[in-house]
PDB file of N, CA and C in Angstrom:
ATOM      1  N   MET A   1    -100.059 217.721 -67.496  1.00  0.00           N
ATOM      2  CA  MET A   1     -99.219 216.604 -67.094  1.00  0.00           C
ATOM      3  C   MET A   1     -98.627 216.874 -65.717  1.00  0.00           C
ATOM      4  N   VAL A   2     -98.633 215.832 -64.907  1.00  0.00           N
ATOM      5  CA  VAL A   2     -98.085 215.876 -63.558  1.00  0.00           C
ATOM      6  C   VAL A   2     -96.908 214.902 -63.526  1.00  0.00           C
ATOM      7  N   THR A   3     -95.858 215.248 -62.792  1.00  0.00           N
ATOM      8  CA  THR A   3     -94.707 214.351 -62.662  1.00  0.00           C
ATOM      9  C   THR A   3     -94.521 214.001 -61.200  1.00  0.00           C
ATOM     10  N   ARG A   4     -94.345 212.701 -60.934  1.00  0.00           N
ATOM     11  CA  ARG A   4     -94.143 212.222 -59.573  1.00  0.00           C
ATOM     12  C   ARG A   4     -92.971 211.249 -59.534  1.00  0.00           C
ATOM     13  N   ARG A   5     -92.302 211.234 -58.380  1.00  0.00           N
ATOM     14  CA  ARG A   5     -91.233 210.269 -58.110  1.00  0.00           C
ATOM     15  C   ARG A   5     -91.754 209.300 -57.055  1.00  0.00           C
ATOM     16  N   TYR A   6     -91.501 208.029 -57.272  1.00  0.00           N
ATOM     17  CA  TYR A   6     -91.898 206.982 -56.331  1.00  0.00           C
ATOM     18  C   TYR A   6     -90.652 206.213 -55.918  1.00  0.00           C
ATOM     19  N   ILE A   7     -90.531 205.960 -54.629  1.00  0.00           N
ATOM     20  CA  ILE A   7     -89.473 205.100 -54.105  1.00  0.00           C
ATOM     21  C   ILE A   7     -90.184 203.886 -53.508  1.00  0.00           C
ATOM     22  N   VAL A   8     -89.877 202.716 -54.056  1.00  0.00           N
ATOM     23  CA  VAL A   8     -90.547 201.489 -53.639  1.00  0.00           C
ATOM     24  C   VAL A   8     -89.546 200.633 -52.874  1.00  0.00           C
ATOM     25  N   SER A   9     -89.915 200.257 -51.645  1.00  0.00           N
ATOM     26  CA  SER A   9     -89.010 199.438 -50.823  1.00  0.00           C
ATOM     27  C   SER A   9     -89.652 198.098 -50.518  1.00  0.00           C
ATOM     28  N   GLY A  10     -88.796 197.150 -50.159  1.00  0.00           N
ATOM     29  CA  GLY A  10     -89.223 195.777 -49.870  1.00  0.00           C
ATOM     30  C   GLY A  10     -88.343 194.829 -50.656  1.00  0.00           C
ATOM     31  N   ARG A  11     -88.890 193.695 -51.058  1.00  0.00           N
ATOM     32  CA  ARG A  11     -88.151 192.764 -51.934  1.00  0.00           C
ATOM     33  C   ARG A  11     -88.530 193.147 -53.361  1.00  0.00           C
ATOM     34  N   VAL A  12     -87.804 194.138 -53.899  1.00  0.00           N
ATOM     35  CA  VAL A  12     -88.174 194.711 -55.189  1.00  0.00           C
ATOM     36  C   VAL A  12     -87.045 194.664 -56.222  1.00  0.00           C
ATOM     37  N   GLN A  13     -85.908 194.101 -55.858  1.00  0.00           N
ATOM     38  CA  GLN A  13     -84.835 193.910 -56.835  1.00  0.00           C
ATOM     39  C   GLN A  13     -84.613 192.415 -57.020  1.00  0.00           C
ATOM     40  N   GLY A  14     -84.345 192.037 -58.265  1.00  0.00           N
ATOM     41  CA  GLY A  14     -84.107 190.629 -58.575  1.00  0.00           C
ATOM     42  C   GLY A  14     -85.381 189.815 -58.697  1.00  0.00           C
ATOM     43  N   VAL A  15     -86.512 190.484 -58.824  1.00  0.00           N
ATOM     44  CA  VAL A  15     -87.805 189.789 -58.911  1.00  0.00           C
ATOM     45  C   VAL A  15     -88.625 190.255 -60.122  1.00  0.00           C
ATOM     46  N   GLY A  16     -88.004 190.958 -61.054  1.00  0.00           N
ATOM     47  CA  GLY A  16     -88.697 191.443 -62.245  1.00  0.00           C
ATOM     48  C   GLY A  16     -89.512 192.698 -62.021  1.00  0.00           C
ATOM     49  N   PHE A  17     -89.199 193.433 -60.952  1.00  0.00           N
ATOM     50  CA  PHE A  17     -90.003 194.607 -60.619  1.00  0.00           C
ATOM     51  C   PHE A  17     -89.896 195.689 -61.685  1.00  0.00           C
ATOM     52  N   ARG A  18     -88.705 195.951 -62.196  1.00  0.00           N
ATOM     53  CA  ARG A  18     -88.555 197.007 -63.211  1.00  0.00           C
ATOM     54  C   ARG A  18     -89.334 196.677 -64.476  1.00  0.00           C
ATOM     55  N   TRP A  19     -89.298 195.419 -64.899  1.00  0.00           N
ATOM     56  CA  TRP A  19     -90.030 195.015 -66.099  1.00  0.00           C
ATOM     57  C   TRP A  19     -91.539 195.109 -65.864  1.00  0.00           C
ATOM     58  N   PHE A  20     -91.965 194.779 -64.658  1.00  0.00           N
ATOM     59  CA  PHE A  20     -93.369 194.915 -64.270  1.00  0.00           C
ATOM     60  C   PHE A  20     -93.799 196.382 -64.365  1.00  0.00           C
ATOM     61  N   VAL A  21     -93.002 197.282 -63.798  1.00  0.00           N
ATOM     62  CA  VAL A  21     -93.332 198.713 -63.819  1.00  0.00           C
ATOM     63  C   VAL A  21     -93.332 199.228 -65.254  1.00  0.00           C
ATOM     64  N   ASP A  22     -92.347 198.833 -66.037  1.00  0.00           N
ATOM     65  CA  ASP A  22     -92.270 199.259 -67.433  1.00  0.00           C
ATOM     66  C   ASP A  22     -93.540 198.861 -68.179  1.00  0.00           C
ATOM     67  N   ARG A  23     -93.957 197.621 -68.038  1.00  0.00           N
ATOM     68  CA  ARG A  23     -95.162 197.140 -68.720  1.00  0.00           C
ATOM     69  C   ARG A  23     -96.406 197.890 -68.258  1.00  0.00           C
ATOM     70  N   GLU A  24     -96.571 198.027 -66.944  1.00  0.00           N
ATOM     71  CA  GLU A  24     -97.756 198.695 -66.403  1.00  0.00           C
ATOM     72  C   GLU A  24     -97.806 200.166 -66.813  1.00  0.00           C
ATOM     73  N   ALA A  25     -96.672 200.853 -66.771  1.00  0.00           N
ATOM     74  CA  ALA A  25     -96.629 202.265 -67.142  1.00  0.00           C
ATOM     75  C   ALA A  25     -96.981 202.456 -68.615  1.00  0.00           C
ATOM     76  N   ARG A  26     -96.504 201.555 -69.459  1.00  0.00           N
ATOM     77  CA  ARG A  26     -96.825 201.641 -70.883  1.00  0.00           C
ATOM     78  C   ARG A  26     -98.315 201.398 -71.123  1.00  0.00           C
ATOM     79  N   ILE A  27     -98.892 200.429 -70.420  1.00  0.00           N
ATOM     80  CA  ILE A  27    -100.326 200.147 -70.543  1.00  0.00           C
ATOM     81  C   ILE A  27    -101.144 201.366 -70.105  1.00  0.00           C
ATOM     82  N   ILE A  28    -100.733 201.977 -69.001  1.00  0.00           N
ATOM     83  CA  ILE A  28    -101.435 203.145 -68.457  1.00  0.00           C
ATOM     84  C   ILE A  28    -101.254 204.366 -69.353  1.00  0.00           C
ATOM     85  N   GLY A  29    -100.136 204.423 -70.082  1.00  0.00           N
ATOM     86  CA  GLY A  29     -99.873 205.537 -70.987  1.00  0.00           C
ATOM     87  C   GLY A  29     -98.980 206.623 -70.407  1.00  0.00           C
ATOM     88  N   LEU A  30     -98.104 206.245 -69.472  1.00  0.00           N
ATOM     89  CA  LEU A  30     -97.201 207.195 -68.830  1.00  0.00           C
ATOM     90  C   LEU A  30     -95.890 207.308 -69.585  1.00  0.00           C
ATOM     91  N   VAL A  31     -95.170 208.379 -69.343  1.00  0.00           N
ATOM     92  CA  VAL A  31     -93.795 208.527 -69.819  1.00  0.00           C
ATOM     93  C   VAL A  31     -92.902 208.650 -68.591  1.00  0.00           C
ATOM     94  N   GLY A  32     -91.636 208.242 -68.736  1.00  0.00           N
ATOM     95  CA  GLY A  32     -90.704 208.330 -67.622  1.00  0.00           C
ATOM     96  C   GLY A  32     -89.756 207.157 -67.598  1.00  0.00           C
ATOM     97  N   TRP A  33     -89.326 206.782 -66.396  1.00  0.00           N
ATOM     98  CA  TRP A  33     -88.360 205.692 -66.268  1.00  0.00           C
ATOM     99  C   TRP A  33     -88.473 204.997 -64.913  1.00  0.00           C
ATOM    100  N   VAL A  34     -87.856 203.821 -64.835  1.00  0.00           N
ATOM    101  CA  VAL A  34     -87.744 203.046 -63.599  1.00  0.00           C
ATOM    102  C   VAL A  34     -86.307 202.545 -63.511  1.00  0.00           C
ATOM    103  N   ARG A  35     -85.752 202.502 -62.291  1.00  0.00           N
ATOM    104  CA  ARG A  35     -84.389 201.998 -62.122  1.00  0.00           C
ATOM    105  C   ARG A  35     -84.216 201.428 -60.723  1.00  0.00           C
ATOM    106  N   ASN A  36     -83.240 200.536 -60.594  1.00  0.00           N
ATOM    107  CA  ASN A  36     -82.817 200.041 -59.285  1.00  0.00           C
ATOM    108  C   ASN A  36     -81.895 201.081 -58.668  1.00  0.00           C
ATOM    109  N   ASN A  37     -82.012 201.287 -57.365  1.00  0.00           N
ATOM    110  CA  ASN A  37     -81.098 202.161 -56.637  1.00  0.00           C
ATOM    111  C   ASN A  37     -80.130 201.300 -55.823  1.00  0.00           C
ATOM    112  N   PRO A  38     -78.944 201.828 -55.529  1.00  0.00           N
ATOM    113  CA  PRO A  38     -77.945 201.057 -54.783  1.00  0.00           C
ATOM    114  C   PRO A  38     -78.417 200.616 -53.397  1.00  0.00           C
ATOM    115  N   ASP A  39     -79.387 201.306 -52.815  1.00  0.00           N
ATOM    116  CA  ASP A  39     -79.864 200.969 -51.469  1.00  0.00           C
ATOM    117  C   ASP A  39     -80.870 199.814 -51.452  1.00  0.00           C
ATOM    118  N   GLY A  40     -81.150 199.226 -52.620  1.00  0.00           N
ATOM    119  CA  GLY A  40     -82.082 198.104 -52.688  1.00  0.00           C
ATOM    120  C   GLY A  40     -83.508 198.495 -53.035  1.00  0.00           C
ATOM    121  N   ASN A  41     -83.768 199.791 -53.137  1.00  0.00           N
ATOM    122  CA  ASN A  41     -85.089 200.271 -53.520  1.00  0.00           C
ATOM    123  C   ASN A  41     -85.189 200.413 -55.033  1.00  0.00           C
ATOM    124  N   VAL A  42     -86.407 200.566 -55.511  1.00  0.00           N
ATOM    125  CA  VAL A  42     -86.644 200.865 -56.921  1.00  0.00           C
ATOM    126  C   VAL A  42     -87.205 202.281 -56.992  1.00  0.00           C
ATOM    127  N   GLU A  43     -86.681 203.070 -57.930  1.00  0.00           N
ATOM    128  CA  GLU A  43     -87.114 204.453 -58.106  1.00  0.00           C
ATOM    129  C   GLU A  43     -87.848 204.583 -59.436  1.00  0.00           C
ATOM    130  N   VAL A  44     -88.948 205.315 -59.414  1.00  0.00           N
ATOM    131  CA  VAL A  44     -89.764 205.534 -60.608  1.00  0.00           C
ATOM    132  C   VAL A  44     -90.002 207.028 -60.759  1.00  0.00           C
ATOM    133  N   LEU A  45     -89.811 207.550 -61.958  1.00  0.00           N
ATOM    134  CA  LEU A  45     -90.192 208.917 -62.279  1.00  0.00           C
ATOM    135  C   LEU A  45     -91.192 208.814 -63.417  1.00  0.00           C
ATOM    136  N   ALA A  46     -92.402 209.322 -63.190  1.00  0.00           N
ATOM    137  CA  ALA A  46     -93.457 209.166 -64.187  1.00  0.00           C
ATOM    138  C   ALA A  46     -94.237 210.455 -64.365  1.00  0.00           C
ATOM    139  N   SER A  47     -94.638 210.709 -65.617  1.00  0.00           N
ATOM    140  CA  SER A  47     -95.471 211.865 -65.952  1.00  0.00           C
ATOM    141  C   SER A  47     -96.745 211.387 -66.620  1.00  0.00           C
ATOM    142  N   GLY A  48     -97.850 212.023 -66.231  1.00  0.00           N
ATOM    143  CA  GLY A  48     -99.153 211.701 -66.801  1.00  0.00           C
ATOM    144  C   GLY A  48    -100.227 212.478 -66.082  1.00  0.00           C
ATOM    145  N   THR A  49    -101.459 212.058 -66.231  1.00  0.00           N
ATOM    146  CA  THR A  49    -102.556 212.708 -65.529  1.00  0.00           C
ATOM    147  C   THR A  49    -102.619 212.193 -64.100  1.00  0.00           C
ATOM    148  N   GLU A  50    -103.375 212.893 -63.265  1.00  0.00           N
ATOM    149  CA  GLU A  50    -103.563 212.438 -61.873  1.00  0.00           C
ATOM    150  C   GLU A  50    -104.127 211.019 -61.844  1.00  0.00           C
ATOM    151  N   GLU A  51    -105.082 210.744 -62.722  1.00  0.00           N
ATOM    152  CA  GLU A  51    -105.711 209.419 -62.766  1.00  0.00           C
ATOM    153  C   GLU A  51    -104.701 208.342 -63.176  1.00  0.00           C
ATOM    154  N   GLN A  52    -103.900 208.632 -64.178  1.00  0.00           N
ATOM    155  CA  GLN A  52    -102.883 207.663 -64.613  1.00  0.00           C
ATOM    156  C   GLN A  52    -101.889 207.381 -63.489  1.00  0.00           C
ATOM    157  N   LEU A  53    -101.448 208.430 -62.790  1.00  0.00           N
ATOM    158  CA  LEU A  53    -100.481 208.261 -61.713  1.00  0.00           C
ATOM    159  C   LEU A  53    -101.093 207.514 -60.526  1.00  0.00           C
ATOM    160  N   ALA A  54    -102.377 207.725 -60.258  1.00  0.00           N
ATOM    161  CA  ALA A  54    -103.063 206.976 -59.196  1.00  0.00           C
ATOM    162  C   ALA A  54    -103.103 205.491 -59.550  1.00  0.00           C
ATOM    163  N   ASN A  55    -103.323 205.185 -60.840  1.00  0.00           N
ATOM    164  CA  ASN A  55    -103.315 203.785 -61.286  1.00  0.00           C
ATOM    165  C   ASN A  55    -101.929 203.176 -61.130  1.00  0.00           C
ATOM    166  N   LEU A  56    -100.893 203.941 -61.465  1.00  0.00           N
ATOM    167  CA  LEU A  56     -99.529 203.444 -61.300  1.00  0.00           C
ATOM    168  C   LEU A  56     -99.227 203.175 -59.837  1.00  0.00           C
ATOM    169  N   ARG A  57     -99.579 204.092 -58.960  1.00  0.00           N
ATOM    170  CA  ARG A  57     -99.321 203.902 -57.524  1.00  0.00           C
ATOM    171  C   ARG A  57     -99.984 202.624 -57.015  1.00  0.00           C
ATOM    172  N   LYS A  58    -101.197 202.378 -57.448  1.00  0.00           N
ATOM    173  CA  LYS A  58    -101.906 201.149 -57.059  1.00  0.00           C
ATOM    174  C   LYS A  58    -101.126 199.916 -57.518  1.00  0.00           C
ATOM    175  N   ARG A  59    -100.646 199.945 -58.757  1.00  0.00           N
ATOM    176  CA  ARG A  59     -99.890 198.806 -59.287  1.00  0.00           C
ATOM    177  C   ARG A  59     -98.535 198.672 -58.583  1.00  0.00           C
ATOM    178  N   LEU A  60     -97.898 199.789 -58.229  1.00  0.00           N
ATOM    179  CA  LEU A  60     -96.626 199.720 -57.509  1.00  0.00           C
ATOM    180  C   LEU A  60     -96.811 199.040 -56.158  1.00  0.00           C
ATOM    181  N   LYS A  61     -97.916 199.313 -55.478  1.00  0.00           N
ATOM    182  CA  LYS A  61     -98.189 198.703 -54.176  1.00  0.00           C
ATOM    183  C   LYS A  61     -98.390 197.199 -54.299  1.00  0.00           C
ATOM    184  N   GLU A  62     -98.925 196.756 -55.435  1.00  0.00           N
ATOM    185  CA  GLU A  62     -99.147 195.324 -55.661  1.00  0.00           C
ATOM    186  C   GLU A  62     -97.854 194.623 -56.068  1.00  0.00           C
ATOM    187  N   GLY A  63     -97.153 195.184 -57.057  1.00  0.00           N
ATOM    188  CA  GLY A  63     -95.916 194.594 -57.546  1.00  0.00           C
ATOM    189  C   GLY A  63     -96.143 193.268 -58.247  1.00  0.00           C
ATOM    190  N   PRO A  64     -95.091 192.712 -58.847  1.00  0.00           N
ATOM    191  CA  PRO A  64     -95.193 191.400 -59.477  1.00  0.00           C
ATOM    192  C   PRO A  64     -95.271 190.305 -58.408  1.00  0.00           C
ATOM    193  N   ARG A  65     -95.657 189.141 -58.818  1.00  0.00           N
ATOM    194  CA  ARG A  65     -95.904 188.034 -57.897  1.00  0.00           C
ATOM    195  C   ARG A  65     -94.732 187.720 -56.964  1.00  0.00           C
ATOM    196  N   ALA A  66     -93.507 187.767 -57.468  1.00  0.00           N
ATOM    197  CA  ALA A  66     -92.344 187.377 -56.658  1.00  0.00           C
ATOM    198  C   ALA A  66     -91.871 188.482 -55.704  1.00  0.00           C
ATOM    199  N   SER A  67     -92.457 189.651 -55.803  1.00  0.00           N
ATOM    200  CA  SER A  67     -91.997 190.777 -54.977  1.00  0.00           C
ATOM    201  C   SER A  67     -92.766 190.848 -53.656  1.00  0.00           C
ATOM    202  N   ARG A  68     -92.233 191.695 -52.780  1.00  0.00           N
ATOM    203  CA  ARG A  68     -92.941 192.069 -51.543  1.00  0.00           C
ATOM    204  C   ARG A  68     -92.736 193.560 -51.370  1.00  0.00           C
ATOM    205  N   VAL A  69     -93.790 194.329 -51.522  1.00  0.00           N
ATOM    206  CA  VAL A  69     -93.702 195.784 -51.403  1.00  0.00           C
ATOM    207  C   VAL A  69     -94.026 196.172 -49.970  1.00  0.00           C
ATOM    208  N   ASP A  70     -93.050 196.771 -49.297  1.00  0.00           N
ATOM    209  CA  ASP A  70     -93.250 197.231 -47.921  1.00  0.00           C
ATOM    210  C   ASP A  70     -93.773 198.667 -47.880  1.00  0.00           C
ATOM    211  N   GLU A  71     -93.297 199.503 -48.801  1.00  0.00           N
ATOM    212  CA  GLU A  71     -93.675 200.913 -48.762  1.00  0.00           C
ATOM    213  C   GLU A  71     -93.506 201.548 -50.141  1.00  0.00           C
ATOM    214  N   VAL A  72     -94.402 202.465 -50.464  1.00  0.00           N
ATOM    215  CA  VAL A  72     -94.275 203.285 -51.669  1.00  0.00           C
ATOM    216  C   VAL A  72     -94.319 204.740 -51.213  1.00  0.00           C
ATOM    217  N   ILE A  73     -93.195 205.436 -51.373  1.00  0.00           N
ATOM    218  CA  ILE A  73     -93.122 206.851 -51.035  1.00  0.00           C
ATOM    219  C   ILE A  73     -93.342 207.632 -52.326  1.00  0.00           C
ATOM    220  N   GLU A  74     -94.247 208.589 -52.276  1.00  0.00           N
ATOM    221  CA  GLU A  74     -94.584 209.386 -53.455  1.00  0.00           C
ATOM    222  C   GLU A  74     -94.214 210.845 -53.194  1.00  0.00           C
ATOM    223  N   GLU A  75     -93.522 211.452 -54.161  1.00  0.00           N
ATOM    224  CA  GLU A  75     -93.116 212.855 -54.040  1.00  0.00           C
ATOM    225  C   GLU A  75     -93.490 213.603 -55.312  1.00  0.00           C
ATOM    226  N   ASP A  76     -93.857 214.862 -55.180  1.00  0.00           N
ATOM    227  CA  ASP A  76     -94.073 215.708 -56.337  1.00  0.00           C
ATOM    228  C   ASP A  76     -92.727 215.927 -57.009  1.00  0.00           C
ATOM    229  N   ALA A  77     -92.681 215.805 -58.309  1.00  0.00           N
ATOM    230  CA  ALA A  77     -91.440 216.029 -59.050  1.00  0.00           C
ATOM    231  C   ALA A  77     -91.707 216.936 -60.238  1.00  0.00           C
ATOM    232  N   SER A  78     -92.620 217.887 -60.051  1.00  0.00           N
ATOM    233  CA  SER A  78     -93.016 218.759 -61.164  1.00  0.00           C
ATOM    234  C   SER A  78     -91.868 219.625 -61.677  1.00  0.00           C
ATOM    235  N   ASP A  79     -90.796 219.767 -60.893  1.00  0.00           N
ATOM    236  CA  ASP A  79     -89.641 220.534 -61.352  1.00  0.00           C
ATOM    237  C   ASP A  79     -88.716 219.699 -62.242  1.00  0.00           C
ATOM    238  N   GLU A  80     -88.973 218.398 -62.337  1.00  0.00           N
ATOM    239  CA  GLU A  80     -88.160 217.505 -63.171  1.00  0.00           C
ATOM    240  C   GLU A  80     -88.739 217.456 -64.584  1.00  0.00           C
ATOM    241  N   VAL A  81     -87.884 217.355 -65.554  1.00  0.00           N
ATOM    242  CA  VAL A  81     -88.318 217.252 -66.945  1.00  0.00           C
ATOM    243  C   VAL A  81     -88.092 215.822 -67.409  1.00  0.00           C
ATOM    244  N   VAL A  82     -89.157 215.190 -67.861  1.00  0.00           N
ATOM    245  CA  VAL A  82     -89.039 213.852 -68.437  1.00  0.00           C
ATOM    246  C   VAL A  82     -88.779 214.032 -69.920  1.00  0.00           C
ATOM    247  N   LYS A  83     -87.575 213.672 -70.348  1.00  0.00           N
ATOM    248  CA  LYS A  83     -87.159 213.927 -71.725  1.00  0.00           C
ATOM    249  C   LYS A  83     -87.684 212.876 -72.701  1.00  0.00           C
ATOM    250  N   SER A  84     -88.011 211.704 -72.202  1.00  0.00           N
ATOM    251  CA  SER A  84     -88.451 210.612 -73.053  1.00  0.00           C
ATOM    252  C   SER A  84     -89.903 210.808 -73.496  1.00  0.00           C
ATOM    253  N   LYS A  85     -90.222 210.248 -74.633  1.00  0.00           N
ATOM    254  CA  LYS A  85     -91.600 210.265 -75.118  1.00  0.00           C
ATOM    255  C   LYS A  85     -92.296 208.940 -74.828  1.00  0.00           C
ATOM    256  N   SER A  86     -91.615 208.067 -74.077  1.00  0.00           N
ATOM    257  CA  SER A  86     -92.183 206.775 -73.707  1.00  0.00           C
ATOM    258  C   SER A  86     -91.706 206.427 -72.299  1.00  0.00           C
ATOM    259  N   PHE A  87     -91.938 205.214 -71.879  1.00  0.00           N
ATOM    260  CA  PHE A  87     -91.458 204.758 -70.583  1.00  0.00           C
ATOM    261  C   PHE A  87     -90.311 203.805 -70.835  1.00  0.00           C
ATOM    262  N   GLN A  88     -89.295 203.817 -69.945  1.00  0.00           N
ATOM    263  CA  GLN A  88     -88.135 202.962 -70.166  1.00  0.00           C
ATOM    264  C   GLN A  88     -87.508 202.513 -68.852  1.00  0.00           C
ATOM    265  N   ILE A  89     -86.719 201.452 -68.968  1.00  0.00           N
ATOM    266  CA  ILE A  89     -85.929 200.946 -67.850  1.00  0.00           C
ATOM    267  C   ILE A  89     -84.552 201.581 -67.956  1.00  0.00           C
ATOM    268  N   GLU A  90     -84.092 202.198 -66.858  1.00  0.00           N
ATOM    269  CA  GLU A  90     -82.766 202.807 -66.851  1.00  0.00           C
ATOM    270  C   GLU A  90     -81.757 201.854 -66.234  1.00  0.00           C
ATOM    271  N   GLY A  91     -80.482 202.257 -66.230  1.00  0.00           N
ATOM    272  CA  GLY A  91     -79.350 201.463 -65.755  1.00  0.00           C
ATOM    273  C   GLY A  91     -79.615 200.540 -64.588  1.00  0.00           C
ATOM    274  N   ALA A  92     -78.843 199.479 -64.506  1.00  0.00           N
ATOM    275  CA  ALA A  92     -79.064 198.417 -63.522  1.00  0.00           C
ATOM    276  C   ALA A  92     -78.435 198.679 -62.173  1.00  0.00           C
ATOM    277  N   TRP A  93     -77.629 199.678 -62.024  1.00  0.00           N
ATOM    278  CA  TRP A  93     -76.937 200.018 -60.775  1.00  0.00           C
ATOM    279  C   TRP A  93     -76.822 198.824 -59.894  1.00  0.00           C
TER     280      TRP A  93
END
């Protein structure tokens, strides 16, 4: 299992982006979470195989119909422990 953090910027809050990520991550079979950050970005922490994470990154770049994704920053987060056994939406900040 590999863990990565993604920071997604653009028009990604107030457009159903977290619910989109939650659905896509569950379909792909990832564990982790998605949340809005105070700076207007969406943050994702996900664990899975390299292939699963590549699929998630592709979907993050697309986003839901009402969104506009300007950038997806990907960071290794292998030092982070994902405690959940599923994927979830975290606080609304």
